[in-house]
Amino acid sequence: MFPKQFSGGQQQLVGIARAIAGKPKLFQADEPTGNPHSDQGKRIMELLQLLNEEDITIIQVTHNEEFARYTQRIIHLKNGRIDGDLKL
């Protein structure tokens, strides 16, 4: 099976796996939980937490408040400007 044959959520998981395979120091994710169903989204967030514990810096864009709470810091942007900065 090829990645193009996967569902949107499965393609997102493959993309994340490919991105972390090289053990980067910085991982940038734009809506990494956007396509997977909620259980997959939670697993993705748990994986990102583990990666962060292994000294990989994670920068994530999300509109999902529940998943944002998996992080150590939330920066809210409004019209391209910082509208809030919360350290958890």
PDB file of N, CA and C in Angstrom:
ATOM      1  N   MET A   1       0.836  -1.164   0.000  1.00  0.00           N
ATOM      2  CA  MET A   1       0.000   0.000   0.000  1.00  0.00           C
ATOM      3  C   MET A   1       0.896   1.248   0.000  1.00  0.00           C
ATOM      4  N   PHE A   2       0.501   2.273  -0.729  1.00  0.00           N
ATOM      5  CA  PHE A   2       1.245   3.516  -0.814  1.00  0.00           C
ATOM      6  C   PHE A   2       0.552   4.591   0.015  1.00  0.00           C
ATOM      7  N   PRO A   3       1.324   5.579   0.532  1.00  0.00           N
ATOM      8  CA  PRO A   3       0.712   6.623   1.363  1.00  0.00           C
ATOM      9  C   PRO A   3      -0.483   7.319   0.718  1.00  0.00           C
ATOM     10  N   LYS A   4      -0.489   7.488  -0.586  1.00  0.00           N
ATOM     11  CA  LYS A   4      -1.610   8.163  -1.247  1.00  0.00           C
ATOM     12  C   LYS A   4      -2.907   7.357  -1.146  1.00  0.00           C
ATOM     13  N   GLN A   5      -2.781   6.080  -0.840  1.00  0.00           N
ATOM     14  CA  GLN A   5      -3.955   5.226  -0.704  1.00  0.00           C
ATOM     15  C   GLN A   5      -4.535   5.266   0.719  1.00  0.00           C
ATOM     16  N   PHE A   6      -3.820   5.891   1.639  1.00  0.00           N
ATOM     17  CA  PHE A   6      -4.276   5.981   3.029  1.00  0.00           C
ATOM     18  C   PHE A   6      -5.317   7.072   3.185  1.00  0.00           C
ATOM     19  N   SER A   7      -6.052   7.005   4.280  1.00  0.00           N
ATOM     20  CA  SER A   7      -6.987   8.077   4.621  1.00  0.00           C
ATOM     21  C   SER A   7      -6.192   9.319   5.008  1.00  0.00           C
ATOM     22  N   GLY A   8      -6.862  10.448   5.131  1.00  0.00           N
ATOM     23  CA  GLY A   8      -6.195  11.688   5.514  1.00  0.00           C
ATOM     24  C   GLY A   8      -5.478  11.572   6.846  1.00  0.00           C
ATOM     25  N   GLY A   9      -6.135  10.948   7.817  1.00  0.00           N
ATOM     26  CA  GLY A   9      -5.523  10.758   9.128  1.00  0.00           C
ATOM     27  C   GLY A   9      -4.303   9.857   9.075  1.00  0.00           C
ATOM     28  N   GLN A  10      -4.398   8.784   8.293  1.00  0.00           N
ATOM     29  CA  GLN A  10      -3.268   7.868   8.151  1.00  0.00           C
ATOM     30  C   GLN A  10      -2.103   8.559   7.453  1.00  0.00           C
ATOM     31  N   GLN A  11      -2.408   9.388   6.452  1.00  0.00           N
ATOM     32  CA  GLN A  11      -1.354  10.142   5.767  1.00  0.00           C
ATOM     33  C   GLN A  11      -0.652  11.085   6.737  1.00  0.00           C
ATOM     34  N   GLN A  12      -1.421  11.680   7.635  1.00  0.00           N
ATOM     35  CA  GLN A  12      -0.840  12.581   8.622  1.00  0.00           C
ATOM     36  C   GLN A  12       0.109  11.807   9.547  1.00  0.00           C
ATOM     37  N   LEU A  13      -0.283  10.622   9.962  1.00  0.00           N
ATOM     38  CA  LEU A  13       0.570   9.793  10.810  1.00  0.00           C
ATOM     39  C   LEU A  13       1.860   9.407  10.092  1.00  0.00           C
ATOM     40  N   VAL A  14       1.758   9.073   8.814  1.00  0.00           N
ATOM     41  CA  VAL A  14       2.945   8.736   8.025  1.00  0.00           C
ATOM     42  C   VAL A  14       3.872   9.953   7.936  1.00  0.00           C
ATOM     43  N   GLY A  15       3.298  11.131   7.734  1.00  0.00           N
ATOM     44  CA  GLY A  15       4.098  12.348   7.663  1.00  0.00           C
ATOM     45  C   GLY A  15       4.849  12.616   8.961  1.00  0.00           C
ATOM     46  N   ILE A  16       4.184  12.409  10.073  1.00  0.00           N
ATOM     47  CA  ILE A  16       4.833  12.599  11.371  1.00  0.00           C
ATOM     48  C   ILE A  16       5.955  11.574  11.555  1.00  0.00           C
ATOM     49  N   ALA A  17       5.685  10.332  11.207  1.00  0.00           N
ATOM     50  CA  ALA A  17       6.707   9.287  11.332  1.00  0.00           C
ATOM     51  C   ALA A  17       7.934   9.617  10.487  1.00  0.00           C
ATOM     52  N   ARG A  18       7.716  10.080   9.281  1.00  0.00           N
ATOM     53  CA  ARG A  18       8.836  10.442   8.405  1.00  0.00           C
ATOM     54  C   ARG A  18       9.627  11.608   8.979  1.00  0.00           C
ATOM     55  N   ALA A  19       8.913  12.575   9.551  1.00  0.00           N
ATOM     56  CA  ALA A  19       9.574  13.762  10.089  1.00  0.00           C
ATOM     57  C   ALA A  19      10.433  13.444  11.314  1.00  0.00           C
ATOM     58  N   ILE A  20      10.004  12.498  12.136  1.00  0.00           N
ATOM     59  CA  ILE A  20      10.759  12.207  13.354  1.00  0.00           C
ATOM     60  C   ILE A  20      11.794  11.103  13.153  1.00  0.00           C
ATOM     61  N   ALA A  21      11.760  10.432  12.021  1.00  0.00           N
ATOM     62  CA  ALA A  21      12.699   9.334  11.767  1.00  0.00           C
ATOM     63  C   ALA A  21      14.150   9.804  11.828  1.00  0.00           C
ATOM     64  N   GLY A  22      14.401  11.030  11.407  1.00  0.00           N
ATOM     65  CA  GLY A  22      15.760  11.563  11.416  1.00  0.00           C
ATOM     66  C   GLY A  22      16.182  12.161  12.746  1.00  0.00           C
ATOM     67  N   LYS A  23      15.367  12.015  13.787  1.00  0.00           N
ATOM     68  CA  LYS A  23      15.627  12.526  15.126  1.00  0.00           C
ATOM     69  C   LYS A  23      16.016  14.010  15.101  1.00  0.00           C
ATOM     70  N   PRO A  24      15.113  14.860  14.656  1.00  0.00           N
ATOM     71  CA  PRO A  24      15.426  16.290  14.582  1.00  0.00           C
ATOM     72  C   PRO A  24      15.478  16.926  15.969  1.00  0.00           C
ATOM     73  N   LYS A  25      16.132  18.058  16.075  1.00  0.00           N
ATOM     74  CA  LYS A  25      16.141  18.830  17.327  1.00  0.00           C
ATOM     75  C   LYS A  25      14.907  19.713  17.414  1.00  0.00           C
ATOM     76  N   LEU A  26      14.306  20.028  16.255  1.00  0.00           N
ATOM     77  CA  LEU A  26      13.127  20.881  16.180  1.00  0.00           C
ATOM     78  C   LEU A  26      12.091  20.207  15.294  1.00  0.00           C
ATOM     79  N   PHE A  27      10.869  20.118  15.791  1.00  0.00           N
ATOM     80  CA  PHE A  27       9.771  19.529  15.023  1.00  0.00           C
ATOM     81  C   PHE A  27       8.665  20.566  14.941  1.00  0.00           C
ATOM     82  N   GLN A  28       8.318  20.966  13.744  1.00  0.00           N
ATOM     83  CA  GLN A  28       7.239  21.931  13.534  1.00  0.00           C
ATOM     84  C   GLN A  28       6.030  21.191  12.970  1.00  0.00           C
ATOM     85  N   ALA A  29       4.879  21.413  13.582  1.00  0.00           N
ATOM     86  CA  ALA A  29       3.676  20.697  13.182  1.00  0.00           C
ATOM     87  C   ALA A  29       2.510  21.672  13.016  1.00  0.00           C
ATOM     88  N   ASP A  30       1.937  21.686  11.834  1.00  0.00           N
ATOM     89  CA  ASP A  30       0.766  22.521  11.558  1.00  0.00           C
ATOM     90  C   ASP A  30      -0.465  21.632  11.615  1.00  0.00           C
ATOM     91  N   GLU A  31      -1.234  21.756  12.679  1.00  0.00           N
ATOM     92  CA  GLU A  31      -2.448  20.947  12.903  1.00  0.00           C
ATOM     93  C   GLU A  31      -2.153  19.442  12.787  1.00  0.00           C
ATOM     94  N   PRO A  32      -1.216  18.928  13.602  1.00  0.00           N
ATOM     95  CA  PRO A  32      -0.886  17.500  13.489  1.00  0.00           C
ATOM     96  C   PRO A  32      -2.044  16.580  13.846  1.00  0.00           C
ATOM     97  N   THR A  33      -3.057  17.112  14.511  1.00  0.00           N
ATOM     98  CA  THR A  33      -4.213  16.301  14.900  1.00  0.00           C
ATOM     99  C   THR A  33      -5.447  16.684  14.088  1.00  0.00           C
ATOM    100  N   GLY A  34      -5.250  17.375  12.982  1.00  0.00           N
ATOM    101  CA  GLY A  34      -6.376  17.883  12.196  1.00  0.00           C
ATOM    102  C   GLY A  34      -7.195  16.823  11.493  1.00  0.00           C
ATOM    103  N   ASN A  35      -6.563  15.807  10.932  1.00  0.00           N
ATOM    104  CA  ASN A  35      -7.282  14.788  10.180  1.00  0.00           C
ATOM    105  C   ASN A  35      -7.580  13.504  10.953  1.00  0.00           C
ATOM    106  N   PRO A  36      -6.705  13.076  11.854  1.00  0.00           N
ATOM    107  CA  PRO A  36      -6.994  11.818  12.546  1.00  0.00           C
ATOM    108  C   PRO A  36      -8.220  11.929  13.449  1.00  0.00           C
ATOM    109  N   HIS A  37      -8.856  10.767  13.711  1.00  0.00           N
ATOM    110  CA  HIS A  37      -9.978  10.779  14.653  1.00  0.00           C
ATOM    111  C   HIS A  37      -9.437  11.064  16.048  1.00  0.00           C
ATOM    112  N   SER A  38     -10.302  11.356  16.995  1.00  0.00           N
ATOM    113  CA  SER A  38      -9.881  11.858  18.305  1.00  0.00           C
ATOM    114  C   SER A  38      -8.925  10.926  19.038  1.00  0.00           C
ATOM    115  N   ASP A  39      -9.115   9.603  18.939  1.00  0.00           N
ATOM    116  CA  ASP A  39      -8.200   8.678  19.603  1.00  0.00           C
ATOM    117  C   ASP A  39      -6.803   8.778  19.008  1.00  0.00           C
ATOM    118  N   GLN A  40      -6.721   8.883  17.677  1.00  0.00           N
ATOM    119  CA  GLN A  40      -5.418   9.052  17.032  1.00  0.00           C
ATOM    120  C   GLN A  40      -4.814  10.391  17.424  1.00  0.00           C
ATOM    121  N   GLY A  41      -5.636  11.418  17.514  1.00  0.00           N
ATOM    122  CA  GLY A  41      -5.144  12.733  17.911  1.00  0.00           C
ATOM    123  C   GLY A  41      -4.510  12.698  19.288  1.00  0.00           C
ATOM    124  N   LYS A  42      -5.140  12.007  20.215  1.00  0.00           N
ATOM    125  CA  LYS A  42      -4.580  11.879  21.568  1.00  0.00           C
ATOM    126  C   LYS A  42      -3.265  11.127  21.537  1.00  0.00           C
ATOM    127  N   ARG A  43      -3.191  10.082  20.727  1.00  0.00           N
ATOM    128  CA  ARG A  43      -1.937   9.323  20.616  1.00  0.00           C
ATOM    129  C   ARG A  43      -0.838  10.174  20.003  1.00  0.00           C
ATOM    130  N   ILE A  44      -1.196  11.000  19.025  1.00  0.00           N
ATOM    131  CA  ILE A  44      -0.213  11.899  18.417  1.00  0.00           C
ATOM    132  C   ILE A  44       0.308  12.871  19.470  1.00  0.00           C
ATOM    133  N   MET A  45      -0.588  13.432  20.273  1.00  0.00           N
ATOM    134  CA  MET A  45      -0.167  14.382  21.302  1.00  0.00           C
ATOM    135  C   MET A  45       0.707  13.697  22.351  1.00  0.00           C
ATOM    136  N   GLU A  46       0.381  12.468  22.710  1.00  0.00           N
ATOM    137  CA  GLU A  46       1.213  11.722  23.658  1.00  0.00           C
ATOM    138  C   GLU A  46       2.596  11.461  23.061  1.00  0.00           C
ATOM    139  N   LEU A  47       2.649  11.151  21.769  1.00  0.00           N
ATOM    140  CA  LEU A  47       3.926  10.944  21.088  1.00  0.00           C
ATOM    141  C   LEU A  47       4.745  12.239  21.088  1.00  0.00           C
ATOM    142  N   LEU A  48       4.096  13.360  20.793  1.00  0.00           N
ATOM    143  CA  LEU A  48       4.807  14.634  20.791  1.00  0.00           C
ATOM    144  C   LEU A  48       5.340  14.962  22.181  1.00  0.00           C
ATOM    145  N   GLN A  49       4.589  14.622  23.226  1.00  0.00           N
ATOM    146  CA  GLN A  49       5.081  14.819  24.595  1.00  0.00           C
ATOM    147  C   GLN A  49       6.340  13.995  24.843  1.00  0.00           C
ATOM    148  N   LEU A  50       6.322  12.739  24.415  1.00  0.00           N
ATOM    149  CA  LEU A  50       7.499  11.882  24.596  1.00  0.00           C
ATOM    150  C   LEU A  50       8.700  12.434  23.842  1.00  0.00           C
ATOM    151  N   LEU A  51       8.472  12.900  22.626  1.00  0.00           N
ATOM    152  CA  LEU A  51       9.562  13.483  21.838  1.00  0.00           C
ATOM    153  C   LEU A  51      10.125  14.706  22.539  1.00  0.00           C
ATOM    154  N   ASN A  52       9.255  15.522  23.103  1.00  0.00           N
ATOM    155  CA  ASN A  52       9.695  16.711  23.825  1.00  0.00           C
ATOM    156  C   ASN A  52      10.532  16.321  25.045  1.00  0.00           C
ATOM    157  N   GLU A  53      10.153  15.257  25.716  1.00  0.00           N
ATOM    158  CA  GLU A  53      10.923  14.767  26.866  1.00  0.00           C
ATOM    159  C   GLU A  53      12.303  14.273  26.442  1.00  0.00           C
ATOM    160  N   GLU A  54      12.447  13.929  25.152  1.00  0.00           N
ATOM    161  CA  GLU A  54      13.740  13.493  24.605  1.00  0.00           C
ATOM    162  C   GLU A  54      14.505  14.672  24.005  1.00  0.00           C
ATOM    163  N   ASP A  55      14.188  15.878  24.470  1.00  0.00           N
ATOM    164  CA  ASP A  55      14.882  17.113  24.067  1.00  0.00           C
ATOM    165  C   ASP A  55      14.657  17.523  22.624  1.00  0.00           C
ATOM    166  N   ILE A  56      13.501  17.192  22.085  1.00  0.00           N
ATOM    167  CA  ILE A  56      13.113  17.705  20.776  1.00  0.00           C
ATOM    168  C   ILE A  56      12.143  18.852  21.026  1.00  0.00           C
ATOM    169  N   THR A  57      12.476  20.022  20.503  1.00  0.00           N
ATOM    170  CA  THR A  57      11.595  21.174  20.637  1.00  0.00           C
ATOM    171  C   THR A  57      10.447  21.016  19.663  1.00  0.00           C
ATOM    172  N   ILE A  58       9.231  21.178  20.146  1.00  0.00           N
ATOM    173  CA  ILE A  58       8.035  21.036  19.325  1.00  0.00           C
ATOM    174  C   ILE A  58       7.351  22.391  19.212  1.00  0.00           C
ATOM    175  N   ILE A  59       7.126  22.826  17.983  1.00  0.00           N
ATOM    176  CA  ILE A  59       6.305  24.006  17.724  1.00  0.00           C
ATOM    177  C   ILE A  59       5.086  23.513  16.968  1.00  0.00           C
ATOM    178  N   GLN A  60       3.932  23.726  17.554  1.00  0.00           N
ATOM    179  CA  GLN A  60       2.693  23.186  16.985  1.00  0.00           C
ATOM    180  C   GLN A  60       1.656  24.300  16.812  1.00  0.00           C
ATOM    181  N   VAL A  61       0.996  24.272  15.693  1.00  0.00           N
ATOM    182  CA  VAL A  61      -0.145  25.149  15.456  1.00  0.00           C
ATOM    183  C   VAL A  61      -1.392  24.294  15.600  1.00  0.00           C
ATOM    184  N   THR A  62      -2.331  24.752  16.429  1.00  0.00           N
ATOM    185  CA  THR A  62      -3.574  24.012  16.586  1.00  0.00           C
ATOM    186  C   THR A  62      -4.705  24.960  16.957  1.00  0.00           C
ATOM    187  N   HIS A  63      -5.904  24.566  16.605  1.00  0.00           N
ATOM    188  CA  HIS A  63      -7.103  25.278  17.028  1.00  0.00           C
ATOM    189  C   HIS A  63      -7.822  24.482  18.114  1.00  0.00           C
ATOM    190  N   ASN A  64      -7.266  23.327  18.466  1.00  0.00           N
ATOM    191  CA  ASN A  64      -7.883  22.428  19.424  1.00  0.00           C
ATOM    192  C   ASN A  64      -7.340  22.727  20.825  1.00  0.00           C
ATOM    193  N   GLU A  65      -8.167  23.343  21.667  1.00  0.00           N
ATOM    194  CA  GLU A  65      -7.747  23.723  23.020  1.00  0.00           C
ATOM    195  C   GLU A  65      -7.355  22.508  23.864  1.00  0.00           C
ATOM    196  N   GLU A  66      -8.071  21.397  23.693  1.00  0.00           N
ATOM    197  CA  GLU A  66      -7.753  20.184  24.462  1.00  0.00           C
ATOM    198  C   GLU A  66      -6.337  19.717  24.152  1.00  0.00           C
ATOM    199  N   PHE A  67      -5.991  19.668  22.877  1.00  0.00           N
ATOM    200  CA  PHE A  67      -4.663  19.201  22.489  1.00  0.00           C
ATOM    201  C   PHE A  67      -3.588  20.234  22.812  1.00  0.00           C
ATOM    202  N   ALA A  68      -3.929  21.503  22.813  1.00  0.00           N
ATOM    203  CA  ALA A  68      -2.962  22.545  23.176  1.00  0.00           C
ATOM    204  C   ALA A  68      -2.507  22.368  24.621  1.00  0.00           C
ATOM    205  N   ARG A  69      -3.363  21.827  25.455  1.00  0.00           N
ATOM    206  CA  ARG A  69      -3.040  21.659  26.880  1.00  0.00           C
ATOM    207  C   ARG A  69      -2.015  20.551  27.137  1.00  0.00           C
ATOM    208  N   TYR A  70      -1.642  19.796  26.109  1.00  0.00           N
ATOM    209  CA  TYR A  70      -0.586  18.800  26.257  1.00  0.00           C
ATOM    210  C   TYR A  70       0.792  19.464  26.300  1.00  0.00           C
ATOM    211  N   THR A  71       0.855  20.742  26.030  1.00  0.00           N
ATOM    212  CA  THR A  71       2.124  21.444  25.887  1.00  0.00           C
ATOM    213  C   THR A  71       2.551  22.114  27.185  1.00  0.00           C
ATOM    214  N   GLN A  72       3.754  22.670  27.152  1.00  0.00           N
ATOM    215  CA  GLN A  72       4.283  23.397  28.305  1.00  0.00           C
ATOM    216  C   GLN A  72       3.984  24.890  28.208  1.00  0.00           C
ATOM    217  N   ARG A  73       3.671  25.339  27.010  1.00  0.00           N
ATOM    218  CA  ARG A  73       3.438  26.771  26.802  1.00  0.00           C
ATOM    219  C   ARG A  73       2.466  26.955  25.644  1.00  0.00           C
ATOM    220  N   ILE A  74       1.510  27.856  25.828  1.00  0.00           N
ATOM    221  CA  ILE A  74       0.538  28.166  24.778  1.00  0.00           C
ATOM    222  C   ILE A  74       0.661  29.651  24.459  1.00  0.00           C
ATOM    223  N   ILE A  75       0.900  29.945  23.195  1.00  0.00           N
ATOM    224  CA  ILE A  75       0.953  31.331  22.740  1.00  0.00           C
ATOM    225  C   ILE A  75      -0.230  31.540  21.800  1.00  0.00           C
ATOM    226  N   HIS A  76      -1.130  32.419  22.172  1.00  0.00           N
ATOM    227  CA  HIS A  76      -2.290  32.733  21.341  1.00  0.00           C
ATOM    228  C   HIS A  76      -1.921  33.864  20.391  1.00  0.00           C
ATOM    229  N   LEU A  77      -2.252  33.690  19.130  1.00  0.00           N
ATOM    230  CA  LEU A  77      -2.026  34.726  18.130  1.00  0.00           C
ATOM    231  C   LEU A  77      -3.360  35.261  17.641  1.00  0.00           C
ATOM    232  N   LYS A  78      -3.416  36.546  17.391  1.00  0.00           N
ATOM    233  CA  LYS A  78      -4.596  37.179  16.821  1.00  0.00           C
ATOM    234  C   LYS A  78      -4.118  38.219  15.829  1.00  0.00           C
ATOM    235  N   ASN A  79      -4.538  38.056  14.597  1.00  0.00           N
ATOM    236  CA  ASN A  79      -4.135  38.965  13.524  1.00  0.00           C
ATOM    237  C   ASN A  79      -2.617  39.097  13.426  1.00  0.00           C
ATOM    238  N   GLY A  80      -1.922  37.971  13.607  1.00  0.00           N
ATOM    239  CA  GLY A  80      -0.472  37.955  13.457  1.00  0.00           C
ATOM    240  C   GLY A  80       0.309  38.489  14.647  1.00  0.00           C
ATOM    241  N   ARG A  81      -0.362  38.792  15.725  1.00  0.00           N
ATOM    242  CA  ARG A  81       0.308  39.331  16.920  1.00  0.00           C
ATOM    243  C   ARG A  81       0.019  38.449  18.133  1.00  0.00           C
ATOM    244  N   ILE A  82       0.951  38.426  19.073  1.00  0.00           N
ATOM    245  CA  ILE A  82       0.752  37.651  20.293  1.00  0.00           C
ATOM    246  C   ILE A  82      -0.362  38.296  21.112  1.00  0.00           C
ATOM    247  N   ASP A  83      -1.375  37.487  21.403  1.00  0.00           N
ATOM    248  CA  ASP A  83      -2.545  37.951  22.141  1.00  0.00           C
ATOM    249  C   ASP A  83      -2.588  37.330  23.542  1.00  0.00           C
ATOM    250  N   GLY A  84      -1.709  36.394  23.794  1.00  0.00           N
ATOM    251  CA  GLY A  84      -1.666  35.740  25.100  1.00  0.00           C
ATOM    252  C   GLY A  84      -0.509  34.767  25.154  1.00  0.00           C
ATOM    253  N   ASP A  85       0.049  34.592  26.336  1.00  0.00           N
ATOM    254  CA  ASP A  85       1.187  33.703  26.524  1.00  0.00           C
ATOM    255  C   ASP A  85       0.998  33.011  27.869  1.00  0.00           C
ATOM    256  N   LEU A  86       0.752  31.708  27.833  1.00  0.00           N
ATOM    257  CA  LEU A  86       0.432  30.956  29.034  1.00  0.00           C
ATOM    258  C   LEU A  86       1.436  29.816  29.189  1.00  0.00           C
ATOM    259  N   LYS A  87       2.149  29.790  30.308  1.00  0.00           N
ATOM    260  CA  LYS A  87       3.056  28.682  30.615  1.00  0.00           C
ATOM    261  C   LYS A  87       2.322  27.727  31.531  1.00  0.00           C
ATOM    262  N   LEU A  88       2.286  26.468  31.160  1.00  0.00           N
ATOM    263  CA  LEU A  88       1.571  25.452  31.943  1.00  0.00           C
ATOM    264  C   LEU A  88       2.494  24.710  32.880  1.00  0.00           C
TER     265      LEU A  88
END
